[in-house]
Amino acid sequence: MKPPAVPASLSRAARKISVKDGPNLEYFLTRARVLSLYREIQRTLKGIKDPRDRQELQHWARSDFEQFRHETNPDKIKSLISQGKHQFHALQTNLTLSSTIAPPKNSKK
């Protein structure tokens, strides 16, 4: 079977990305956004002073990501990223207000 025609205006790299039934550029960009959000959450949670609270929140965050691990709908994934960012910023605000999170290491008192 002949592969689908790729417009001549696309670069060689772009033509390689458009493999039938394979991951495309949008897939990798979305994956990078998801991983970036997850890492940012984990870095923030490392600053929580109480080990039990820290572990509980890390487990909660991981379980939310694991729940949607096999989601393939790009619109649903974008929506989940948006919801995750909103929840993360709300969590950051609550942690800061409750003084549960340690101050940044480079700040001067």
C-alpha atoms as a PDB file:
ATOM      1  CA  MET A   1       0.000   0.000   0.000  1.00  0.00           C
ATOM      2  CA  LYS A   2       1.283   3.442  -0.941  1.00  0.00           C
ATOM      3  CA  PRO A   3       1.753   5.980   1.928  1.00  0.00           C
ATOM      4  CA  PRO A   4      -0.491   9.067   1.891  1.00  0.00           C
ATOM      5  CA  ALA A   5       0.726  11.973  -0.216  1.00  0.00           C
ATOM      6  CA  VAL A   6       2.522  14.713   1.684  1.00  0.00           C
ATOM      7  CA  PRO A   7       2.489  18.255   0.268  1.00  0.00           C
ATOM      8  CA  ALA A   8       5.817  19.276  -1.230  1.00  0.00           C
ATOM      9  CA  SER A   9       5.758  22.459   0.855  1.00  0.00           C
ATOM     10  CA  LEU A  10       6.400  20.481   4.048  1.00  0.00           C
ATOM     11  CA  SER A  11       9.963  20.079   5.162  1.00  0.00           C
ATOM     12  CA  ARG A  12      11.650  16.689   5.317  1.00  0.00           C
ATOM     13  CA  ALA A  13      11.246  16.616   9.108  1.00  0.00           C
ATOM     14  CA  ALA A  14       7.543  17.431   8.858  1.00  0.00           C
ATOM     15  CA  ARG A  15       7.049  14.640   6.332  1.00  0.00           C
ATOM     16  CA  LYS A  16       8.711  12.176   8.703  1.00  0.00           C
ATOM     17  CA  ILE A  17       6.365  13.215  11.513  1.00  0.00           C
ATOM     18  CA  SER A  18       3.226  12.549   9.476  1.00  0.00           C
ATOM     19  CA  VAL A  19       3.496   8.772   9.720  1.00  0.00           C
ATOM     20  CA  LYS A  20       0.145   7.023   9.365  1.00  0.00           C
ATOM     21  CA  ASP A  21      -1.218   5.886  12.756  1.00  0.00           C
ATOM     22  CA  GLY A  22       1.915   7.102  14.544  1.00  0.00           C
ATOM     23  CA  PRO A  23       2.535   9.952  16.949  1.00  0.00           C
ATOM     24  CA  ASN A  24       2.662  13.414  15.431  1.00  0.00           C
ATOM     25  CA  LEU A  25       4.213  16.690  16.529  1.00  0.00           C
ATOM     26  CA  GLU A  26       1.131  17.743  18.487  1.00  0.00           C
ATOM     27  CA  TYR A  27       1.325  14.492  20.455  1.00  0.00           C
ATOM     28  CA  PHE A  28       4.889  15.231  21.573  1.00  0.00           C
ATOM     29  CA  LEU A  29       4.134  18.862  22.424  1.00  0.00           C
ATOM     30  CA  THR A  30       1.107  17.857  24.489  1.00  0.00           C
ATOM     31  CA  ARG A  31       3.113  15.134  26.211  1.00  0.00           C
ATOM     32  CA  ALA A  32       5.787  17.704  27.107  1.00  0.00           C
ATOM     33  CA  ARG A  33       3.116  20.000  28.600  1.00  0.00           C
ATOM     34  CA  VAL A  34       1.692  17.170  30.714  1.00  0.00           C
ATOM     35  CA  LEU A  35       5.126  16.141  31.998  1.00  0.00           C
ATOM     36  CA  SER A  36       6.033  19.756  32.716  1.00  0.00           C
ATOM     37  CA  LEU A  37       2.886  20.235  34.799  1.00  0.00           C
ATOM     38  CA  TYR A  38       3.508  16.969  36.683  1.00  0.00           C
ATOM     39  CA  ARG A  39       7.126  17.919  37.467  1.00  0.00           C
ATOM     40  CA  GLU A  40       6.124  21.406  38.574  1.00  0.00           C
ATOM     41  CA  ILE A  41       3.554  19.923  40.955  1.00  0.00           C
ATOM     42  CA  GLN A  42       6.064  17.430  42.368  1.00  0.00           C
ATOM     43  CA  ARG A  43       8.722  20.147  42.873  1.00  0.00           C
ATOM     44  CA  THR A  44       6.212  22.287  44.738  1.00  0.00           C
ATOM     45  CA  LEU A  45       5.051  19.404  46.917  1.00  0.00           C
ATOM     46  CA  LYS A  46       8.659  18.663  47.955  1.00  0.00           C
ATOM     47  CA  GLY A  47       8.557  21.934  49.882  1.00  0.00           C
ATOM     48  CA  ILE A  48       5.797  20.768  52.240  1.00  0.00           C
ATOM     49  CA  LYS A  49       7.187  20.469  55.748  1.00  0.00           C
ATOM     50  CA  ASP A  50       5.049  17.612  57.119  1.00  0.00           C
ATOM     51  CA  PRO A  51       6.100  14.285  55.518  1.00  0.00           C
ATOM     52  CA  ARG A  52       2.624  12.726  55.825  1.00  0.00           C
ATOM     53  CA  ASP A  53       0.942  15.706  54.165  1.00  0.00           C
ATOM     54  CA  ARG A  54       3.589  15.737  51.443  1.00  0.00           C
ATOM     55  CA  GLN A  55       3.186  12.023  50.746  1.00  0.00           C
ATOM     56  CA  GLU A  56      -0.603  12.256  50.689  1.00  0.00           C
ATOM     57  CA  LEU A  57      -0.580  15.134  48.199  1.00  0.00           C
ATOM     58  CA  GLN A  58       2.038  13.428  46.019  1.00  0.00           C
ATOM     59  CA  HIS A  59      -0.116  10.289  45.942  1.00  0.00           C
ATOM     60  CA  TRP A  60      -3.206  12.361  45.098  1.00  0.00           C
ATOM     61  CA  ALA A  61      -1.424  14.150  42.235  1.00  0.00           C
ATOM     62  CA  ARG A  62       0.003  10.940  40.814  1.00  0.00           C
ATOM     63  CA  SER A  63      -3.343   9.132  40.980  1.00  0.00           C
ATOM     64  CA  ASP A  64      -5.005  11.963  39.043  1.00  0.00           C
ATOM     65  CA  PHE A  65      -2.387  11.715  36.299  1.00  0.00           C
ATOM     66  CA  GLU A  66      -2.579   7.908  36.259  1.00  0.00           C
ATOM     67  CA  GLN A  67      -6.372   8.001  35.990  1.00  0.00           C
ATOM     68  CA  PHE A  68      -6.153   9.688  32.579  1.00  0.00           C
ATOM     69  CA  ARG A  69      -2.899   8.113  31.403  1.00  0.00           C
ATOM     70  CA  HIS A  70      -4.454   6.405  28.383  1.00  0.00           C
ATOM     71  CA  GLU A  71      -6.613   9.319  27.221  1.00  0.00           C
ATOM     72  CA  THR A  72      -6.202   9.823  23.463  1.00  0.00           C
ATOM     73  CA  ASN A  73      -8.678  12.605  22.678  1.00  0.00           C
ATOM     74  CA  PRO A  74      -6.535  15.754  22.167  1.00  0.00           C
ATOM     75  CA  ASP A  75      -9.357  18.108  23.206  1.00  0.00           C
ATOM     76  CA  LYS A  76      -9.967  16.141  26.402  1.00  0.00           C
ATOM     77  CA  ILE A  77      -6.224  16.165  27.184  1.00  0.00           C
ATOM     78  CA  LYS A  78      -6.033  19.942  26.702  1.00  0.00           C
ATOM     79  CA  SER A  79      -9.031  20.339  28.989  1.00  0.00           C
ATOM     80  CA  LEU A  80      -7.396  18.125  31.623  1.00  0.00           C
ATOM     81  CA  ILE A  81      -4.160  20.151  31.444  1.00  0.00           C
ATOM     82  CA  SER A  82      -6.148  23.346  31.941  1.00  0.00           C
ATOM     83  CA  GLN A  83      -8.036  21.861  34.912  1.00  0.00           C
ATOM     84  CA  GLY A  84      -4.766  20.567  36.366  1.00  0.00           C
ATOM     85  CA  LYS A  85      -3.128  23.987  36.155  1.00  0.00           C
ATOM     86  CA  HIS A  86      -6.146  25.591  37.803  1.00  0.00           C
ATOM     87  CA  GLN A  87      -6.147  23.036  40.640  1.00  0.00           C
ATOM     88  CA  PHE A  88      -2.372  23.362  41.037  1.00  0.00           C
ATOM     89  CA  HIS A  89      -2.512  27.144  41.373  1.00  0.00           C
ATOM     90  CA  ALA A  90      -5.350  26.849  43.901  1.00  0.00           C
ATOM     91  CA  LEU A  91      -3.272  24.325  45.854  1.00  0.00           C
ATOM     92  CA  GLN A  92      -0.224  26.606  45.760  1.00  0.00           C
ATOM     93  CA  THR A  93      -2.294  29.501  47.111  1.00  0.00           C
ATOM     94  CA  ASN A  94      -3.731  27.382  49.916  1.00  0.00           C
ATOM     95  CA  LEU A  95      -0.315  26.009  50.874  1.00  0.00           C
ATOM     96  CA  THR A  96       1.210  29.468  50.938  1.00  0.00           C
ATOM     97  CA  LEU A  97      -1.628  30.934  53.006  1.00  0.00           C
ATOM     98  CA  SER A  98      -1.513  28.085  55.514  1.00  0.00           C
ATOM     99  CA  SER A  99       2.299  28.298  55.760  1.00  0.00           C
ATOM    100  CA  THR A 100       2.445  24.561  55.065  1.00  0.00           C
ATOM    101  CA  ILE A 101       4.999  25.009  52.360  1.00  0.00           C
ATOM    102  CA  ALA A 102       8.572  25.915  53.181  1.00  0.00           C
ATOM    103  CA  PRO A 103       9.833  29.253  51.836  1.00  0.00           C
ATOM    104  CA  PRO A 104      12.123  29.079  48.787  1.00  0.00           C
ATOM    105  CA  LYS A 105      15.734  28.248  49.696  1.00  0.00           C
ATOM    106  CA  ASN A 106      17.161  31.345  48.038  1.00  0.00           C
ATOM    107  CA  SER A 107      14.954  33.843  49.907  1.00  0.00           C
ATOM    108  CA  LYS A 108      16.426  36.031  52.619  1.00  0.00           C
ATOM    109  CA  LYS A 109      14.628  36.621  55.894  1.00  0.00           C
END
